[in-house]
All heavy atoms as atom14 arrays in JSON, in Angstrom:
{
  "sequence": "YSEFAEYIKAGKMKPIAVTAPKRLNNVPTLKEQGIDVEIGNWRGV",
  "atom14_mask": [
    [1, 1, 1, 1, 1, 1, 1, 1, 1, 1, 1, 1, 0, 0],
    [1, 1, 1, 1, 1, 1, 0, 0, 0, 0, 0, 0, 0, 0],
    [1, 1, 1, 1, 1, 1, 1, 1, 1, 0, 0, 0, 0, 0],
    [1, 1, 1, 1, 1, 1, 1, 1, 1, 1, 1, 0, 0, 0],
    [1, 1, 1, 1, 1, 0, 0, 0, 0, 0, 0, 0, 0, 0],
    [1, 1, 1, 1, 1, 1, 1, 1, 1, 0, 0, 0, 0, 0],
    [1, 1, 1, 1, 1, 1, 1, 1, 1, 1, 1, 1, 0, 0],
    [1, 1, 1, 1, 1, 1, 1, 1, 0, 0, 0, 0, 0, 0],
    [1, 1, 1, 1, 1, 1, 1, 1, 1, 0, 0, 0, 0, 0],
    [1, 1, 1, 1, 1, 0, 0, 0, 0, 0, 0, 0, 0, 0],
    [1, 1, 1, 1, 0, 0, 0, 0, 0, 0, 0, 0, 0, 0],
    [1, 1, 1, 1, 1, 1, 1, 1, 1, 0, 0, 0, 0, 0],
    [1, 1, 1, 1, 1, 1, 1, 1, 0, 0, 0, 0, 0, 0],
    [1, 1, 1, 1, 1, 1, 1, 1, 1, 0, 0, 0, 0, 0],
    [1, 1, 1, 1, 1, 1, 1, 0, 0, 0, 0, 0, 0, 0],
    [1, 1, 1, 1, 1, 1, 1, 1, 0, 0, 0, 0, 0, 0],
    [1, 1, 1, 1, 1, 0, 0, 0, 0, 0, 0, 0, 0, 0],
    [1, 1, 1, 1, 1, 1, 1, 0, 0, 0, 0, 0, 0, 0],
    [1, 1, 1, 1, 1, 1, 1, 0, 0, 0, 0, 0, 0, 0],
    [1, 1, 1, 1, 1, 0, 0, 0, 0, 0, 0, 0, 0, 0],
    [1, 1, 1, 1, 1, 1, 1, 0, 0, 0, 0, 0, 0, 0],
    [1, 1, 1, 1, 1, 1, 1, 1, 1, 0, 0, 0, 0, 0],
    [1, 1, 1, 1, 1, 1, 1, 1, 1, 1, 1, 0, 0, 0],
    [1, 1, 1, 1, 1, 1, 1, 1, 0, 0, 0, 0, 0, 0],
    [1, 1, 1, 1, 1, 1, 1, 1, 0, 0, 0, 0, 0, 0],
    [1, 1, 1, 1, 1, 1, 1, 1, 0, 0, 0, 0, 0, 0],
    [1, 1, 1, 1, 1, 1, 1, 0, 0, 0, 0, 0, 0, 0],
    [1, 1, 1, 1, 1, 1, 1, 0, 0, 0, 0, 0, 0, 0],
    [1, 1, 1, 1, 1, 1, 1, 0, 0, 0, 0, 0, 0, 0],
    [1, 1, 1, 1, 1, 1, 1, 1, 0, 0, 0, 0, 0, 0],
    [1, 1, 1, 1, 1, 1, 1, 1, 1, 0, 0, 0, 0, 0],
    [1, 1, 1, 1, 1, 1, 1, 1, 1, 0, 0, 0, 0, 0],
    [1, 1, 1, 1, 1, 1, 1, 1, 1, 0, 0, 0, 0, 0],
    [1, 1, 1, 1, 0, 0, 0, 0, 0, 0, 0, 0, 0, 0],
    [1, 1, 1, 1, 1, 1, 1, 1, 0, 0, 0, 0, 0, 0],
    [1, 1, 1, 1, 1, 1, 1, 1, 0, 0, 0, 0, 0, 0],
    [1, 1, 1, 1, 1, 1, 1, 0, 0, 0, 0, 0, 0, 0],
    [1, 1, 1, 1, 1, 1, 1, 1, 1, 0, 0, 0, 0, 0],
    [1, 1, 1, 1, 1, 1, 1, 1, 0, 0, 0, 0, 0, 0],
    [1, 1, 1, 1, 0, 0, 0, 0, 0, 0, 0, 0, 0, 0],
    [1, 1, 1, 1, 1, 1, 1, 1, 0, 0, 0, 0, 0, 0],
    [1, 1, 1, 1, 1, 1, 1, 1, 1, 1, 1, 1, 1, 1],
    [1, 1, 1, 1, 1, 1, 1, 1, 1, 1, 1, 0, 0, 0],
    [1, 1, 1, 1, 0, 0, 0, 0, 0, 0, 0, 0, 0, 0],
    [1, 1, 1, 1, 1, 1, 1, 0, 0, 0, 0, 0, 0, 0]
  ],
  "atom14_positions": [
    [[-0.95, 0.86, 5.74], [-0.61, 2.22, 5.29], [-0.57, 3.21, 6.46], [0.3, 4.08, 6.51], [-1.61, 2.7, 4.23], [-1.13, 3.93, 3.48], [-0.48, 3.81, 2.26], [-1.3, 5.21, 4.02], [-0.01, 4.93, 1.59], [-0.83, 6.33, 3.36], [-0.18, 6.19, 2.14], [0.3, 7.29, 1.5], [0.0, 0.0, 0.0], [0.0, 0.0, 0.0]],
    [[-1.49, 3.05, 7.4], [-1.59, 4.01, 8.5], [-0.31, 4.09, 9.33], [0.05, 5.14, 9.85], [-2.76, 3.64, 9.41], [-2.58, 2.36, 9.97], [0.0, 0.0, 0.0], [0.0, 0.0, 0.0], [0.0, 0.0, 0.0], [0.0, 0.0, 0.0], [0.0, 0.0, 0.0], [0.0, 0.0, 0.0], [0.0, 0.0, 0.0], [0.0, 0.0, 0.0]],
    [[0.4, 2.95, 9.46], [1.6, 2.92, 10.27], [2.75, 3.72, 9.64], [3.64, 4.19, 10.34], [2.03, 1.48, 10.52], [1.05, 0.73, 11.42], [1.53, -0.66, 11.78], [2.74, -0.85, 12.01], [0.69, -1.57, 11.81], [0.0, 0.0, 0.0], [0.0, 0.0, 0.0], [0.0, 0.0, 0.0], [0.0, 0.0, 0.0], [0.0, 0.0, 0.0]],
    [[2.73, 3.85, 8.32], [3.81, 4.56, 7.62], [3.39, 5.92, 7.09], [4.21, 6.67, 6.56], [4.3, 3.71, 6.44], [4.97, 2.42, 6.82], [5.03, 1.35, 5.92], [5.55, 2.24, 8.06], [5.66, 0.16, 6.25], [6.17, 1.04, 8.41], [6.22, 0.0, 7.5], [0.0, 0.0, 0.0], [0.0, 0.0, 0.0], [0.0, 0.0, 0.0]],
    [[2.11, 6.26, 7.23], [1.55, 7.46, 6.58], [2.34, 8.73, 6.88], [2.66, 9.51, 5.97], [0.09, 7.64, 6.98], [0.0, 0.0, 0.0], [0.0, 0.0, 0.0], [0.0, 0.0, 0.0], [0.0, 0.0, 0.0], [0.0, 0.0, 0.0], [0.0, 0.0, 0.0], [0.0, 0.0, 0.0], [0.0, 0.0, 0.0], [0.0, 0.0, 0.0]],
    [[2.66, 8.97, 8.16], [3.34, 10.23, 8.5], [4.75, 10.28, 7.91], [5.23, 11.35, 7.53], [3.39, 10.42, 10.01], [4.2, 9.37, 10.77], [4.24, 9.67, 12.27], [4.9, 10.65, 12.67], [3.6, 8.92, 13.03], [0.0, 0.0, 0.0], [0.0, 0.0, 0.0], [0.0, 0.0, 0.0], [0.0, 0.0, 0.0], [0.0, 0.0, 0.0]],
    [[5.4, 9.13, 7.79], [6.76, 9.09, 7.25], [6.75, 9.23, 5.72], [7.66, 9.81, 5.13], [7.47, 7.8, 7.67], [7.48, 7.64, 9.17], [6.58, 6.76, 9.8], [8.35, 8.37, 9.96], [6.57, 6.62, 11.18], [8.35, 8.24, 11.35], [7.46, 7.37, 11.95], [7.45, 7.24, 13.31], [0.0, 0.0, 0.0], [0.0, 0.0, 0.0]],
    [[5.71, 8.67, 5.11], [5.54, 8.83, 3.67], [5.29, 10.3, 3.35], [5.9, 10.88, 2.44], [4.38, 7.96, 3.16], [4.75, 6.47, 3.27], [4.02, 8.3, 1.72], [3.6, 5.51, 2.98], [0.0, 0.0, 0.0], [0.0, 0.0, 0.0], [0.0, 0.0, 0.0], [0.0, 0.0, 0.0], [0.0, 0.0, 0.0], [0.0, 0.0, 0.0]],
    [[4.41, 10.91, 4.14], [4.07, 12.32, 3.92], [5.28, 13.22, 4.12], [5.47, 14.22, 3.4], [2.96, 12.73, 4.9], [2.43, 14.13, 4.66], [1.26, 14.43, 5.6], [0.71, 15.83, 5.35], [-0.44, 16.12, 6.27], [0.0, 0.0, 0.0], [0.0, 0.0, 0.0], [0.0, 0.0, 0.0], [0.0, 0.0, 0.0], [0.0, 0.0, 0.0]],
    [[6.15, 12.86, 5.06], [7.34, 13.65, 5.35], [8.5, 13.37, 4.39], [9.55, 14.0, 4.48], [7.79, 13.39, 6.79], [0.0, 0.0, 0.0], [0.0, 0.0, 0.0], [0.0, 0.0, 0.0], [0.0, 0.0, 0.0], [0.0, 0.0, 0.0], [0.0, 0.0, 0.0], [0.0, 0.0, 0.0], [0.0, 0.0, 0.0], [0.0, 0.0, 0.0]],
    [[8.29, 12.4, 3.49], [9.34, 12.07, 2.53], [10.44, 11.18, 3.08], [11.49, 11.01, 2.45], [0.0, 0.0, 0.0], [0.0, 0.0, 0.0], [0.0, 0.0, 0.0], [0.0, 0.0, 0.0], [0.0, 0.0, 0.0], [0.0, 0.0, 0.0], [0.0, 0.0, 0.0], [0.0, 0.0, 0.0], [0.0, 0.0, 0.0], [0.0, 0.0, 0.0]],
    [[10.2, 10.58, 4.25], [11.22, 9.71, 4.85], [11.1, 8.26, 4.37], [12.0, 7.46, 4.57], [11.09, 9.75, 6.38], [11.41, 11.13, 6.95], [11.27, 11.14, 8.46], [11.61, 12.51, 9.04], [11.48, 12.53, 10.51], [0.0, 0.0, 0.0], [0.0, 0.0, 0.0], [0.0, 0.0, 0.0], [0.0, 0.0, 0.0], [0.0, 0.0, 0.0]],
    [[9.96, 7.94, 3.76], [9.75, 6.62, 3.15], [9.11, 6.83, 1.79], [8.31, 7.75, 1.61], [8.8, 5.75, 4.0], [9.32, 5.34, 5.35], [8.08, 4.3, 6.21], [8.9, 4.04, 7.8], [0.0, 0.0, 0.0], [0.0, 0.0, 0.0], [0.0, 0.0, 0.0], [0.0, 0.0, 0.0], [0.0, 0.0, 0.0], [0.0, 0.0, 0.0]],
    [[9.47, 5.95, 0.85], [8.89, 6.02, -0.5], [7.99, 4.82, -0.73], [8.48, 3.68, -0.77], [9.98, 6.08, -1.56], [9.44, 6.11, -2.99], [10.55, 6.2, -4.01], [10.01, 6.07, -5.43], [8.99, 7.07, -5.75], [0.0, 0.0, 0.0], [0.0, 0.0, 0.0], [0.0, 0.0, 0.0], [0.0, 0.0, 0.0], [0.0, 0.0, 0.0]],
    [[6.67, 5.03, -0.88], [5.78, 3.89, -1.13], [5.92, 3.4, -2.57], [5.95, 4.2, -3.5], [4.39, 4.49, -0.9], [4.54, 5.93, -1.26], [5.94, 6.31, -0.85], [0.0, 0.0, 0.0], [0.0, 0.0, 0.0], [0.0, 0.0, 0.0], [0.0, 0.0, 0.0], [0.0, 0.0, 0.0], [0.0, 0.0, 0.0], [0.0, 0.0, 0.0]],
    [[6.02, 2.08, -2.74], [6.23, 1.55, -4.09], [5.13, 0.58, -4.54], [5.02, 0.28, -5.73], [7.6, 0.85, -4.23], [7.77, -0.24, -3.16], [8.72, 1.88, -4.12], [9.03, -1.07, -3.32], [0.0, 0.0, 0.0], [0.0, 0.0, 0.0], [0.0, 0.0, 0.0], [0.0, 0.0, 0.0], [0.0, 0.0, 0.0], [0.0, 0.0, 0.0]],
    [[4.31, 0.1, -3.61], [3.22, -0.82, -4.01], [2.28, -1.07, -2.84], [2.68, -1.02, -1.68], [3.8, -2.15, -4.49], [0.0, 0.0, 0.0], [0.0, 0.0, 0.0], [0.0, 0.0, 0.0], [0.0, 0.0, 0.0], [0.0, 0.0, 0.0], [0.0, 0.0, 0.0], [0.0, 0.0, 0.0], [0.0, 0.0, 0.0], [0.0, 0.0, 0.0]],
    [[1.01, -1.34, -3.17], [0.04, -1.76, -2.16], [-0.51, -3.13, -2.55], [-0.54, -3.48, -3.73], [-1.13, -0.75, -2.0], [-0.63, 0.54, -1.37], [-1.81, -0.47, -3.34], [0.0, 0.0, 0.0], [0.0, 0.0, 0.0], [0.0, 0.0, 0.0], [0.0, 0.0, 0.0], [0.0, 0.0, 0.0], [0.0, 0.0, 0.0], [0.0, 0.0, 0.0]],
    [[-0.95, -3.88, -1.54], [-1.46, -5.23, -1.78], [-2.97, -5.22, -2.03], [-3.61, -6.26, -1.98], [-1.17, -6.14, -0.58], [-1.85, -5.62, 0.58], [0.33, -6.21, -0.29], [0.0, 0.0, 0.0], [0.0, 0.0, 0.0], [0.0, 0.0, 0.0], [0.0, 0.0, 0.0], [0.0, 0.0, 0.0], [0.0, 0.0, 0.0], [0.0, 0.0, 0.0]],
    [[-3.52, -4.05, -2.28], [-4.96, -3.88, -2.47], [-5.39, -4.13, -3.91], [-4.56, -4.18, -4.82], [-5.35, -2.45, -2.07], [0.0, 0.0, 0.0], [0.0, 0.0, 0.0], [0.0, 0.0, 0.0], [0.0, 0.0, 0.0], [0.0, 0.0, 0.0], [0.0, 0.0, 0.0], [0.0, 0.0, 0.0], [0.0, 0.0, 0.0], [0.0, 0.0, 0.0]],
    [[-6.71, -4.27, -4.13], [-7.22, -4.46, -5.49], [-7.21, -3.16, -6.29], [-7.29, -3.18, -7.52], [-8.64, -4.97, -5.28], [-9.04, -4.46, -3.94], [-7.78, -4.46, -3.12], [0.0, 0.0, 0.0], [0.0, 0.0, 0.0], [0.0, 0.0, 0.0], [0.0, 0.0, 0.0], [0.0, 0.0, 0.0], [0.0, 0.0, 0.0], [0.0, 0.0, 0.0]],
    [[-7.12, -2.03, -5.6], [-7.04, -0.73, -6.3], [-6.09, 0.18, -5.53], [-5.76, -0.09, -4.37], [-8.43, -0.09, -6.42], [-9.11, 0.2, -5.1], [-10.49, 0.8, -5.34], [-11.19, 1.1, -4.01], [-12.54, 1.69, -4.23], [0.0, 0.0, 0.0], [0.0, 0.0, 0.0], [0.0, 0.0, 0.0], [0.0, 0.0, 0.0], [0.0, 0.0, 0.0]],
    [[-5.66, 1.25, -6.16], [-4.69, 2.15, -5.55], [-5.19, 2.73, -4.22], [-6.36, 3.01, -4.06], [-4.36, 3.3, -6.5], [-3.53, 2.89, -7.7], [-3.02, 4.11, -8.46], [-2.1, 3.73, -9.53], [-1.15, 4.52, -10.02], [-1.02, 5.76, -9.54], [-0.34, 4.1, -10.98], [0.0, 0.0, 0.0], [0.0, 0.0, 0.0], [0.0, 0.0, 0.0]],
    [[-4.24, 2.89, -3.29], [-4.51, 3.58, -2.04], [-3.62, 4.81, -1.99], [-2.39, 4.69, -2.15], [-4.2, 2.67, -0.84], [-5.07, 1.43, -0.64], [-4.58, 0.63, 0.55], [-6.53, 1.83, -0.44], [0.0, 0.0, 0.0], [0.0, 0.0, 0.0], [0.0, 0.0, 0.0], [0.0, 0.0, 0.0], [0.0, 0.0, 0.0], [0.0, 0.0, 0.0]],
    [[-4.22, 5.97, -1.79], [-3.46, 7.22, -1.77], [-2.55, 7.34, -2.99], [-1.41, 7.81, -2.9], [-2.66, 7.32, -0.48], [-3.56, 7.37, 0.75], [-4.28, 8.32, 0.97], [-3.53, 6.3, 1.53], [0.0, 0.0, 0.0], [0.0, 0.0, 0.0], [0.0, 0.0, 0.0], [0.0, 0.0, 0.0], [0.0, 0.0, 0.0], [0.0, 0.0, 0.0]],
    [[-3.07, 6.84, -4.11], [-2.39, 6.88, -5.41], [-1.11, 6.04, -5.48], [-0.28, 6.23, -6.37], [-2.09, 8.32, -5.85], [-2.01, 8.44, -7.37], [-2.72, 7.74, -8.1], [-1.13, 9.29, -7.85], [0.0, 0.0, 0.0], [0.0, 0.0, 0.0], [0.0, 0.0, 0.0], [0.0, 0.0, 0.0], [0.0, 0.0, 0.0], [0.0, 0.0, 0.0]],
    [[-0.94, 5.12, -4.54], [0.2, 4.2, -4.62], [-0.22, 3.03, -5.51], [-1.28, 2.44, -5.31], [0.58, 3.67, -3.21], [1.76, 2.7, -3.32], [0.92, 4.82, -2.28], [0.0, 0.0, 0.0], [0.0, 0.0, 0.0], [0.0, 0.0, 0.0], [0.0, 0.0, 0.0], [0.0, 0.0, 0.0], [0.0, 0.0, 0.0], [0.0, 0.0, 0.0]],
    [[0.6, 2.69, -6.52], [0.22, 1.64, -7.45], [0.08, 0.27, -6.8], [0.8, -0.05, -5.86], [1.35, 1.66, -8.49], [2.5, 2.29, -7.79], [1.91, 3.28, -6.84], [0.0, 0.0, 0.0], [0.0, 0.0, 0.0], [0.0, 0.0, 0.0], [0.0, 0.0, 0.0], [0.0, 0.0, 0.0], [0.0, 0.0, 0.0], [0.0, 0.0, 0.0]],
    [[-0.85, -0.52, -7.32], [-1.03, -1.88, -6.81], [0.06, -2.79, -7.37], [0.71, -2.48, -8.36], [-2.4, -2.44, -7.21], [-2.42, -2.62, -8.64], [-3.52, -1.5, -6.81], [0.0, 0.0, 0.0], [0.0, 0.0, 0.0], [0.0, 0.0, 0.0], [0.0, 0.0, 0.0], [0.0, 0.0, 0.0], [0.0, 0.0, 0.0], [0.0, 0.0, 0.0]],
    [[0.23, -3.93, -6.71], [1.16, -4.93, -7.23], [0.66, -5.45, -8.57], [1.45, -5.66, -9.51], [1.3, -6.09, -6.24], [2.13, -5.8, -4.98], [1.89, -6.86, -3.93], [3.62, -5.69, -5.32], [0.0, 0.0, 0.0], [0.0, 0.0, 0.0], [0.0, 0.0, 0.0], [0.0, 0.0, 0.0], [0.0, 0.0, 0.0], [0.0, 0.0, 0.0]],
    [[-0.65, -5.63, -8.66], [-1.22, -6.19, -9.89], [-0.95, -5.3, -11.1], [-0.64, -5.79, -12.19], [-2.72, -6.42, -9.72], [-3.04, -7.65, -8.87], [-4.53, -7.98, -8.93], [-4.81, -9.32, -8.26], [-6.23, -9.72, -8.35], [0.0, 0.0, 0.0], [0.0, 0.0, 0.0], [0.0, 0.0, 0.0], [0.0, 0.0, 0.0], [0.0, 0.0, 0.0]],
    [[-1.09, -3.99, -10.93], [-0.87, -3.11, -12.08], [0.61, -3.04, -12.46], [0.96, -2.55, -13.53], [-1.42, -1.71, -11.82], [-0.66, -0.86, -10.83], [-1.29, 0.52, -10.66], [-2.22, 0.67, -9.84], [-0.84, 1.45, -11.34], [0.0, 0.0, 0.0], [0.0, 0.0, 0.0], [0.0, 0.0, 0.0], [0.0, 0.0, 0.0], [0.0, 0.0, 0.0]],
    [[1.47, -3.56, -11.57], [2.9, -3.62, -11.87], [3.31, -5.01, -12.36], [4.49, -5.34, -12.42], [3.72, -3.22, -10.63], [3.44, -1.79, -10.18], [4.28, -1.4, -8.98], [5.5, -1.21, -9.08], [3.65, -1.27, -7.82], [0.0, 0.0, 0.0], [0.0, 0.0, 0.0], [0.0, 0.0, 0.0], [0.0, 0.0, 0.0], [0.0, 0.0, 0.0]],
    [[2.29, -5.81, -12.7], [2.56, -7.1, -13.29], [2.8, -8.23, -12.3], [3.24, -9.32, -12.68], [0.0, 0.0, 0.0], [0.0, 0.0, 0.0], [0.0, 0.0, 0.0], [0.0, 0.0, 0.0], [0.0, 0.0, 0.0], [0.0, 0.0, 0.0], [0.0, 0.0, 0.0], [0.0, 0.0, 0.0], [0.0, 0.0, 0.0], [0.0, 0.0, 0.0]],
    [[2.52, -7.99, -11.01], [2.71, -9.01, -9.98], [1.34, -9.37, -9.42], [0.72, -8.58, -8.71], [3.64, -8.5, -8.85], [4.97, -8.01, -9.43], [3.89, -9.6, -7.82], [5.83, -7.26, -8.44], [0.0, 0.0, 0.0], [0.0, 0.0, 0.0], [0.0, 0.0, 0.0], [0.0, 0.0, 0.0], [0.0, 0.0, 0.0], [0.0, 0.0, 0.0]],
    [[0.86, -10.55, -9.72], [-0.51, -10.94, -9.39], [-0.65, -11.34, -7.92], [-0.84, -12.52, -7.58], [-0.94, -12.09, -10.31], [-2.44, -12.4, -10.17], [-3.16, -11.54, -9.65], [-2.85, -13.5, -10.58], [0.0, 0.0, 0.0], [0.0, 0.0, 0.0], [0.0, 0.0, 0.0], [0.0, 0.0, 0.0], [0.0, 0.0, 0.0], [0.0, 0.0, 0.0]],
    [[-0.56, -10.34, -7.04], [-0.68, -10.58, -5.61], [-1.65, -9.56, -5.0], [-1.54, -8.37, -5.25], [0.7, -10.45, -4.9], [0.52, -10.47, -3.38], [1.63, -11.57, -5.35], [0.0, 0.0, 0.0], [0.0, 0.0, 0.0], [0.0, 0.0, 0.0], [0.0, 0.0, 0.0], [0.0, 0.0, 0.0], [0.0, 0.0, 0.0], [0.0, 0.0, 0.0]],
    [[-2.59, -10.08, -4.21], [-3.54, -9.24, -3.48], [-3.81, -9.92, -2.15], [-4.18, -11.1, -2.1], [-4.84, -9.08, -4.26], [-5.9, -8.24, -3.56], [-7.22, -8.24, -4.31], [-7.2, -8.12, -5.56], [-8.27, -8.34, -3.66], [0.0, 0.0, 0.0], [0.0, 0.0, 0.0], [0.0, 0.0, 0.0], [0.0, 0.0, 0.0], [0.0, 0.0, 0.0]],
    [[-3.58, -9.21, -1.05], [-3.8, -9.81, 0.27], [-4.15, -8.71, 1.27], [-3.54, -7.64, 1.28], [-2.56, -10.62, 0.74], [-2.84, -11.28, 2.1], [-1.31, -9.76, 0.77], [-1.74, -12.25, 2.53], [0.0, 0.0, 0.0], [0.0, 0.0, 0.0], [0.0, 0.0, 0.0], [0.0, 0.0, 0.0], [0.0, 0.0, 0.0], [0.0, 0.0, 0.0]],
    [[-5.17, -8.97, 2.09], [-5.62, -7.99, 3.08], [-5.29, -8.43, 4.5], [-5.1, -9.61, 4.78], [0.0, 0.0, 0.0], [0.0, 0.0, 0.0], [0.0, 0.0, 0.0], [0.0, 0.0, 0.0], [0.0, 0.0, 0.0], [0.0, 0.0, 0.0], [0.0, 0.0, 0.0], [0.0, 0.0, 0.0], [0.0, 0.0, 0.0], [0.0, 0.0, 0.0]],
    [[-5.24, -7.45, 5.38], [-4.97, -7.69, 6.79], [-6.2, -7.25, 7.59], [-6.62, -6.1, 7.49], [-3.74, -6.89, 7.22], [-3.34, -7.17, 8.67], [-3.78, -8.14, 9.27], [-2.5, -6.31, 9.22], [0.0, 0.0, 0.0], [0.0, 0.0, 0.0], [0.0, 0.0, 0.0], [0.0, 0.0, 0.0], [0.0, 0.0, 0.0], [0.0, 0.0, 0.0]],
    [[-6.79, -8.17, 8.34], [-7.97, -7.82, 9.14], [-7.63, -7.88, 10.62], [-6.68, -8.58, 11.02], [-9.15, -8.74, 8.82], [-8.86, -10.2, 9.06], [-8.35, -11.1, 8.17], [-9.04, -10.92, 10.29], [-8.2, -12.33, 8.76], [-8.62, -12.25, 10.05], [-9.52, -10.58, 11.55], [-8.66, -13.24, 11.06], [-9.57, -11.55, 12.55], [-9.14, -12.86, 12.28]],
    [[-8.4, -7.16, 11.42], [-8.19, -7.15, 12.86], [-9.52, -7.28, 13.58], [-10.55, -6.82, 13.09], [-7.5, -5.85, 13.3], [-6.12, -5.67, 12.65], [-5.38, -4.47, 13.21], [-4.08, -4.36, 12.54], [-3.78, -3.41, 11.65], [-4.68, -2.5, 11.33], [-2.58, -3.37, 11.09], [0.0, 0.0, 0.0], [0.0, 0.0, 0.0], [0.0, 0.0, 0.0]],
    [[-9.47, -7.92, 14.74], [-10.69, -8.11, 15.52], [-10.39, -8.2, 17.0], [-9.28, -7.89, 17.44], [0.0, 0.0, 0.0], [0.0, 0.0, 0.0], [0.0, 0.0, 0.0], [0.0, 0.0, 0.0], [0.0, 0.0, 0.0], [0.0, 0.0, 0.0], [0.0, 0.0, 0.0], [0.0, 0.0, 0.0], [0.0, 0.0, 0.0], [0.0, 0.0, 0.0]],
    [[-11.39, -8.63, 17.77], [-11.22, -8.77, 19.22], [-11.84, -10.08, 19.69], [-12.83, -10.55, 19.14], [-11.85, -7.6, 20.0], [-11.0, -6.35, 19.88], [-13.28, -7.32, 19.55], [0.0, 0.0, 0.0], [0.0, 0.0, 0.0], [0.0, 0.0, 0.0], [0.0, 0.0, 0.0], [0.0, 0.0, 0.0], [0.0, 0.0, 0.0], [0.0, 0.0, 0.0]]
  ]
}
């Protein structure tokens, strides 16, 4: 979400779903739209 946040806020991109277990910034999850998918991205060093 962070990579697109400024463009979403500016109206240049329209968010339609998140892969999270619950809404992020009020963007609906895939699951609540009837698509049973949840996947996270982790980063380390």
